[in-house]
Amino acid sequence: MRARQKRKQTVRRIEIIAIVAVVAVSLVVGFYLALNAGDPRSVVDNKQVSTTDYNNLYKAATAAYGLPGQSYLTSVHTLTGLPEFTKNGTPILVYVGADYCPYCAVQRYSLTMALMRFGNFTGLEYMTSAFDDGDYSTFTFANSTYHSNYLVFQPFELYTRSDSTLATLPTNYTSTFQQYGSSSFPFTNFADEYYISGAILDPSILGTMNQTQVISSILAGNTLGSEIRQSANVITAVICETTGNRPSSVCDNPSITALTTSTPVSYTPPSTSSGSELFTTDASFSLSPTRSIAGRTHSGWD
């Protein structure tokens, strides 16, 4: 009799444990589904950009350049008296951002398009800015590789979408970032000759569109697409200033020459002295986890 009761108690315990486990799993699944239901664009985060999206963005970048974008030249500032950032004589473009950053989200479209005119990416991934910071669809450079015969692109996405540390910035890049970028994201340094602190465009223009829809807008040349294309032209013009206007197929485009004749200073060939060669193997510098995002209202803008 006692043995039978014991068996019943054991079975009952197992049933209770099973019920608790099912409830727990259901809660977790329900929370995940609810989270994604409220944040549907983030489901593609950290997934590689599709071949279709990449090819369409490349097409948008290399097709007709459209309006030059002179009004956006005020975003570009000149650095003087500093040795140029170079690697084996090739200018280095340093980008500092964070996955959570909404201004980085919009800047990456123009920056990616500009860089596509000088080379190509592999490993480019989708990303969205923080849910409470616009939730804007974009890309991340975190796991990407860039290939070009004309410049070296060194991106540093320092924090994830959830504000966890993702990378550290080498000490040889921190001085300009801190002094001229106020340690705010995004910051783009063009061979230590020019810099852009903050984003050229306001991220709100992205609205609730996903990456495919934004790329379609650029191809269509509507208002959003035109603004992103013009921003890409400004970045392209600055890169041309650092590469000695190479390649001519890009830098001699009328939309670009209209800007390079307006930039603050003429091109100066990068120094080939060993002192200008910068490498990312130096001791690393980690930013404070406090969010710092630069935009059009950032005090560093002239």
Protein backbone atom coordinates (compact mmCIF):
# COMPACT_ATOMS: atom_id res chain seq x y z
CA MET A 1 0.00 0.00 0.00
CA ARG A 2 2.72 2.43 0.97
CA ALA A 3 4.70 1.52 -2.16
CA ARG A 4 1.67 2.31 -4.31
CA GLN A 5 1.21 5.72 -2.65
CA LYS A 6 4.89 6.46 -3.11
CA ARG A 7 4.62 5.69 -6.81
CA LYS A 8 1.59 7.97 -7.08
CA GLN A 9 3.44 10.81 -5.34
CA THR A 10 6.42 10.35 -7.64
CA VAL A 11 4.20 10.43 -10.72
CA ARG A 12 2.45 13.52 -9.36
CA ARG A 13 5.79 15.31 -8.82
CA ILE A 14 6.85 14.46 -12.37
CA GLU A 15 3.54 15.82 -13.70
CA ILE A 16 3.98 19.06 -11.74
CA ILE A 17 7.56 19.48 -12.96
CA ALA A 18 6.42 18.86 -16.54
CA ILE A 19 3.62 21.41 -16.23
CA VAL A 20 5.99 24.03 -14.76
CA ALA A 21 8.47 23.38 -17.57
CA VAL A 22 5.80 23.78 -20.25
CA VAL A 23 4.58 27.01 -18.67
CA ALA A 24 8.13 28.37 -18.46
CA VAL A 25 8.85 27.54 -22.10
CA SER A 26 5.53 29.08 -23.14
CA LEU A 27 6.35 32.28 -21.29
CA VAL A 28 9.76 32.52 -22.93
CA VAL A 29 8.34 31.86 -26.40
CA GLY A 30 5.51 34.30 -25.76
CA PHE A 31 7.92 37.00 -24.62
CA TYR A 32 10.10 36.44 -27.71
CA LEU A 33 7.12 36.61 -30.06
CA ALA A 34 5.77 39.71 -28.33
CA LEU A 35 9.17 41.36 -28.55
CA ASN A 36 9.48 40.63 -32.24
CA ALA A 37 5.88 41.67 -32.86
CA GLY A 38 6.72 45.09 -31.46
CA ASP A 39 10.09 45.23 -33.20
CA PRO A 40 9.68 43.36 -36.50
CA ARG A 41 12.54 45.06 -38.35
CA SER A 42 15.16 43.72 -35.97
CA VAL A 43 14.59 40.07 -36.91
CA VAL A 44 17.23 40.41 -39.66
CA ASP A 45 19.88 41.91 -37.36
CA ASN A 46 23.35 40.42 -37.82
CA LYS A 47 22.23 38.46 -40.87
CA GLN A 48 24.27 38.95 -44.02
CA VAL A 49 22.83 41.43 -46.51
CA SER A 50 21.08 39.55 -49.31
CA THR A 51 22.68 39.44 -52.73
CA THR A 52 19.67 41.30 -54.14
CA ASP A 53 19.89 44.16 -51.63
CA TYR A 54 23.67 44.42 -52.01
CA ASN A 55 23.49 44.47 -55.81
CA ASN A 56 20.70 47.04 -55.80
CA LEU A 57 22.60 49.29 -53.41
CA TYR A 58 25.70 48.93 -55.59
CA LYS A 59 23.61 49.81 -58.62
CA ALA A 60 22.25 52.87 -56.84
CA ALA A 61 25.78 53.91 -55.83
CA THR A 62 27.36 53.57 -59.25
CA ALA A 63 24.48 54.71 -61.49
CA ALA A 64 23.78 58.38 -62.15
CA TYR A 65 25.09 60.34 -59.17
CA GLY A 66 22.30 62.90 -59.27
CA LEU A 67 22.49 66.30 -57.59
CA PRO A 68 25.94 67.04 -56.08
CA GLY A 69 24.73 68.02 -52.60
CA GLN A 70 26.61 71.29 -52.08
CA SER A 71 24.39 72.24 -49.16
CA TYR A 72 25.78 69.29 -47.21
CA LEU A 73 29.40 70.43 -47.53
CA THR A 74 28.98 72.33 -44.26
CA SER A 75 29.22 68.92 -42.56
CA VAL A 76 32.84 68.56 -43.71
CA HIS A 77 35.61 70.05 -41.58
CA THR A 78 39.31 70.37 -42.31
CA LEU A 79 42.17 69.06 -40.20
CA THR A 80 45.51 70.82 -40.55
CA GLY A 81 48.99 70.31 -39.20
CA LEU A 82 48.56 66.57 -38.65
CA PRO A 83 50.37 63.69 -40.39
CA GLU A 84 47.93 61.94 -42.72
CA PHE A 85 46.53 58.55 -41.75
CA THR A 86 48.04 56.15 -44.26
CA LYS A 87 48.89 52.49 -44.56
CA ASN A 88 51.63 51.71 -47.06
CA GLY A 89 50.98 55.13 -48.59
CA THR A 90 47.24 54.50 -48.98
CA PRO A 91 44.85 56.88 -47.17
CA ILE A 92 42.87 55.43 -44.26
CA LEU A 93 39.22 56.25 -43.68
CA VAL A 94 38.32 55.63 -40.02
CA TYR A 95 34.68 55.26 -39.04
CA VAL A 96 33.61 55.15 -35.39
CA GLY A 97 30.03 54.21 -34.58
CA ALA A 98 27.72 51.95 -32.61
CA ASP A 99 24.94 49.60 -33.64
CA TYR A 100 22.43 51.30 -31.30
CA CYS A 101 23.12 54.77 -32.73
CA PRO A 102 20.29 56.25 -34.91
CA TYR A 103 22.54 58.83 -36.56
CA CYS A 104 24.96 56.05 -37.49
CA ALA A 105 21.99 54.22 -39.02
CA VAL A 106 21.34 56.90 -41.61
CA GLN A 107 25.01 57.73 -42.19
CA ARG A 108 25.85 54.13 -43.09
CA TYR A 109 23.69 54.25 -46.22
CA SER A 110 25.61 57.18 -47.69
CA LEU A 111 28.98 55.95 -46.45
CA THR A 112 28.40 52.46 -47.84
CA MET A 113 27.34 53.88 -51.21
CA ALA A 114 30.39 56.14 -51.37
CA LEU A 115 32.75 53.30 -50.50
CA MET A 116 31.12 51.04 -53.12
CA ARG A 117 32.39 53.49 -55.74
CA PHE A 118 35.98 52.77 -54.69
CA GLY A 119 35.77 49.06 -53.82
CA ASN A 120 33.47 46.38 -52.48
CA PHE A 121 32.28 44.82 -49.22
CA THR A 122 32.00 41.27 -48.04
CA GLY A 123 30.22 40.26 -44.84
CA LEU A 124 28.03 43.36 -44.64
CA GLU A 125 25.14 42.66 -42.25
CA TYR A 126 21.72 44.11 -41.48
CA MET A 127 21.18 46.05 -38.27
CA THR A 128 18.61 48.31 -36.62
CA SER A 129 19.30 51.09 -34.17
CA ALA A 130 18.15 50.66 -30.57
CA PHE A 131 14.42 50.11 -30.18
CA ASP A 132 14.19 53.21 -27.97
CA ASP A 133 16.44 55.19 -30.34
CA GLY A 134 14.37 55.19 -33.51
CA ASP A 135 14.55 51.49 -34.37
CA TYR A 136 15.88 52.51 -37.79
CA SER A 137 16.82 49.86 -40.35
CA THR A 138 20.44 50.03 -41.47
CA PHE A 139 23.62 47.95 -41.75
CA THR A 140 26.56 47.24 -39.47
CA PHE A 141 30.24 47.21 -40.40
CA ALA A 142 31.10 45.02 -37.39
CA ASN A 143 31.84 41.82 -39.31
CA SER A 144 32.44 43.30 -42.75
CA THR A 145 35.58 43.39 -44.85
CA TYR A 146 36.29 46.09 -47.42
CA HIS A 147 38.53 45.76 -50.47
CA SER A 148 39.82 48.73 -52.47
CA ASN A 149 42.87 49.72 -54.50
CA TYR A 150 42.46 53.35 -53.46
CA LEU A 151 41.86 53.53 -49.72
CA VAL A 152 41.81 51.52 -46.50
CA PHE A 153 38.53 51.46 -44.61
CA GLN A 154 38.80 50.78 -40.88
CA PRO A 155 35.37 50.78 -39.20
CA PHE A 156 34.86 50.43 -35.46
CA GLU A 157 31.35 49.65 -34.21
CA LEU A 158 32.07 50.05 -30.51
CA TYR A 159 28.73 48.94 -29.05
CA THR A 160 25.96 46.52 -29.92
CA ARG A 161 22.32 47.41 -30.39
CA SER A 162 21.76 46.63 -26.71
CA ASP A 163 24.68 48.88 -25.66
CA SER A 164 27.13 46.06 -24.83
CA THR A 165 30.78 46.57 -25.70
CA LEU A 166 31.50 45.21 -29.17
CA ALA A 167 34.95 46.59 -30.03
CA THR A 168 37.65 48.96 -28.79
CA LEU A 169 39.19 51.90 -30.59
CA PRO A 170 42.99 51.81 -31.04
CA THR A 171 44.82 54.56 -29.20
CA ASN A 172 46.27 56.02 -32.38
CA TYR A 173 42.75 57.00 -33.49
CA THR A 174 41.41 58.35 -30.23
CA SER A 175 42.94 61.83 -30.18
CA THR A 176 41.04 63.17 -33.20
CA PHE A 177 37.90 61.29 -32.17
CA GLN A 178 37.92 62.84 -28.72
CA GLN A 179 38.99 66.33 -29.73
CA TYR A 180 36.93 66.84 -32.89
CA GLY A 181 34.21 64.24 -32.47
CA SER A 182 33.66 64.83 -28.76
CA SER A 183 33.67 61.02 -28.44
CA SER A 184 30.25 61.00 -30.10
CA PHE A 185 28.85 58.72 -32.80
CA PRO A 186 29.18 58.63 -35.70
CA PHE A 187 32.60 60.07 -36.41
CA THR A 188 34.29 59.76 -39.81
CA ASN A 189 37.95 60.66 -40.21
CA PHE A 190 39.29 60.93 -43.75
CA ALA A 191 43.04 60.25 -43.46
CA ASP A 192 43.29 62.92 -40.74
CA GLU A 193 42.74 65.55 -43.45
CA TYR A 194 38.98 65.97 -43.11
CA TYR A 195 36.33 64.77 -40.69
CA ILE A 196 32.57 64.61 -40.31
CA SER A 197 31.26 64.68 -36.74
CA GLY A 198 27.72 63.39 -36.51
CA ALA A 199 25.54 62.46 -39.47
CA ILE A 200 24.95 64.50 -42.60
CA LEU A 201 21.24 63.63 -42.59
CA ASP A 202 18.61 63.35 -39.87
CA PRO A 203 17.78 59.69 -39.17
CA SER A 204 14.05 60.40 -38.97
CA ILE A 205 13.95 60.44 -42.78
CA LEU A 206 14.24 56.63 -42.65
CA GLY A 207 10.89 56.34 -40.90
CA THR A 208 9.67 52.77 -40.49
CA MET A 209 11.09 51.46 -43.76
CA ASN A 210 13.25 48.35 -43.84
CA GLN A 211 16.56 48.16 -45.67
CA THR A 212 15.05 46.87 -48.92
CA GLN A 213 12.54 49.73 -48.99
CA VAL A 214 15.24 52.34 -48.34
CA ILE A 215 17.37 50.93 -51.15
CA SER A 216 14.33 50.99 -53.46
CA SER A 217 13.85 54.67 -52.58
CA ILE A 218 17.45 55.41 -53.53
CA LEU A 219 17.01 53.61 -56.85
CA ALA A 220 13.74 55.45 -57.48
CA GLY A 221 15.34 58.81 -56.74
CA ASN A 222 12.51 60.09 -54.57
CA THR A 223 13.10 62.68 -51.85
CA LEU A 224 14.63 60.21 -49.40
CA GLY A 225 16.72 58.57 -52.11
CA SER A 226 17.97 61.90 -53.42
CA GLU A 227 19.06 63.06 -49.97
CA ILE A 228 20.98 59.84 -49.31
CA ARG A 229 22.59 60.00 -52.76
CA GLN A 230 23.67 63.63 -52.25
CA SER A 231 25.13 62.73 -48.86
CA ALA A 232 27.03 59.89 -50.56
CA ASN A 233 28.34 62.37 -53.13
CA VAL A 234 29.77 64.61 -50.40
CA ILE A 235 31.54 61.66 -48.79
CA THR A 236 32.78 60.57 -52.21
CA ALA A 237 34.20 64.03 -52.90
CA VAL A 238 36.09 64.03 -49.62
CA ILE A 239 37.51 60.58 -50.35
CA CYS A 240 38.63 61.83 -53.77
CA GLU A 241 40.50 64.63 -52.02
CA THR A 242 42.49 62.04 -50.07
CA THR A 243 43.13 59.63 -52.97
CA GLY A 244 44.49 62.21 -55.39
CA ASN A 245 41.25 62.10 -57.39
CA ARG A 246 41.56 58.41 -58.12
CA PRO A 247 39.90 56.64 -59.74
CA SER A 248 39.05 59.17 -62.41
CA SER A 249 35.91 57.21 -63.29
CA VAL A 250 34.55 58.33 -59.91
CA CYS A 251 36.32 61.55 -59.09
CA ASP A 252 35.83 63.13 -62.54
CA ASN A 253 32.08 62.68 -62.38
CA PRO A 254 30.49 66.15 -62.74
CA SER A 255 28.51 65.68 -59.52
CA ILE A 256 31.78 65.09 -57.66
CA THR A 257 33.91 67.76 -59.34
CA ALA A 258 31.19 70.27 -58.46
CA LEU A 259 32.01 69.45 -54.83
CA THR A 260 35.80 69.00 -54.93
CA THR A 261 36.19 72.52 -56.29
CA SER A 262 34.26 73.71 -53.24
CA THR A 263 36.05 71.77 -50.50
CA PRO A 264 38.04 73.83 -48.00
CA VAL A 265 41.55 72.92 -49.20
CA SER A 266 43.11 71.33 -52.24
CA TYR A 267 44.47 67.80 -52.17
CA THR A 268 47.86 67.24 -50.55
CA PRO A 269 49.56 63.89 -51.27
CA PRO A 270 49.81 61.80 -48.08
CA SER A 271 53.17 61.64 -46.37
CA THR A 272 55.04 58.37 -46.88
CA SER A 273 57.15 58.78 -43.76
CA SER A 274 57.04 55.94 -41.27
CA GLY A 275 55.47 58.29 -38.76
CA SER A 276 52.25 58.40 -40.77
CA GLU A 277 51.81 54.66 -40.95
CA LEU A 278 49.10 53.71 -38.46
CA PHE A 279 48.21 50.21 -37.42
CA THR A 280 45.43 48.82 -35.26
CA THR A 281 47.66 46.62 -33.11
CA ASP A 282 48.36 49.34 -30.56
CA ALA A 283 46.91 49.31 -27.05
CA SER A 284 43.16 49.70 -27.18
CA PHE A 285 40.93 52.39 -25.76
CA SER A 286 37.43 51.65 -24.53
CA LEU A 287 34.78 54.34 -24.42
CA SER A 288 32.54 55.05 -21.51
CA PRO A 289 29.31 53.07 -21.83
CA THR A 290 27.32 56.29 -21.63
CA ARG A 291 25.55 56.86 -24.91
CA SER A 292 26.85 59.84 -26.83
CA ILE A 293 25.31 60.54 -30.20
CA ALA A 294 26.06 63.47 -32.44
CA GLY A 295 23.58 64.92 -34.90
CA ARG A 296 22.64 68.19 -36.45
CA THR A 297 22.10 69.72 -33.01
CA HIS A 298 25.46 68.53 -31.68
CA SER A 299 27.52 71.40 -30.30
CA GLY A 300 30.52 70.37 -32.40
CA TRP A 301 28.84 71.47 -35.61
CA ASP A 302 30.03 74.73 -37.08
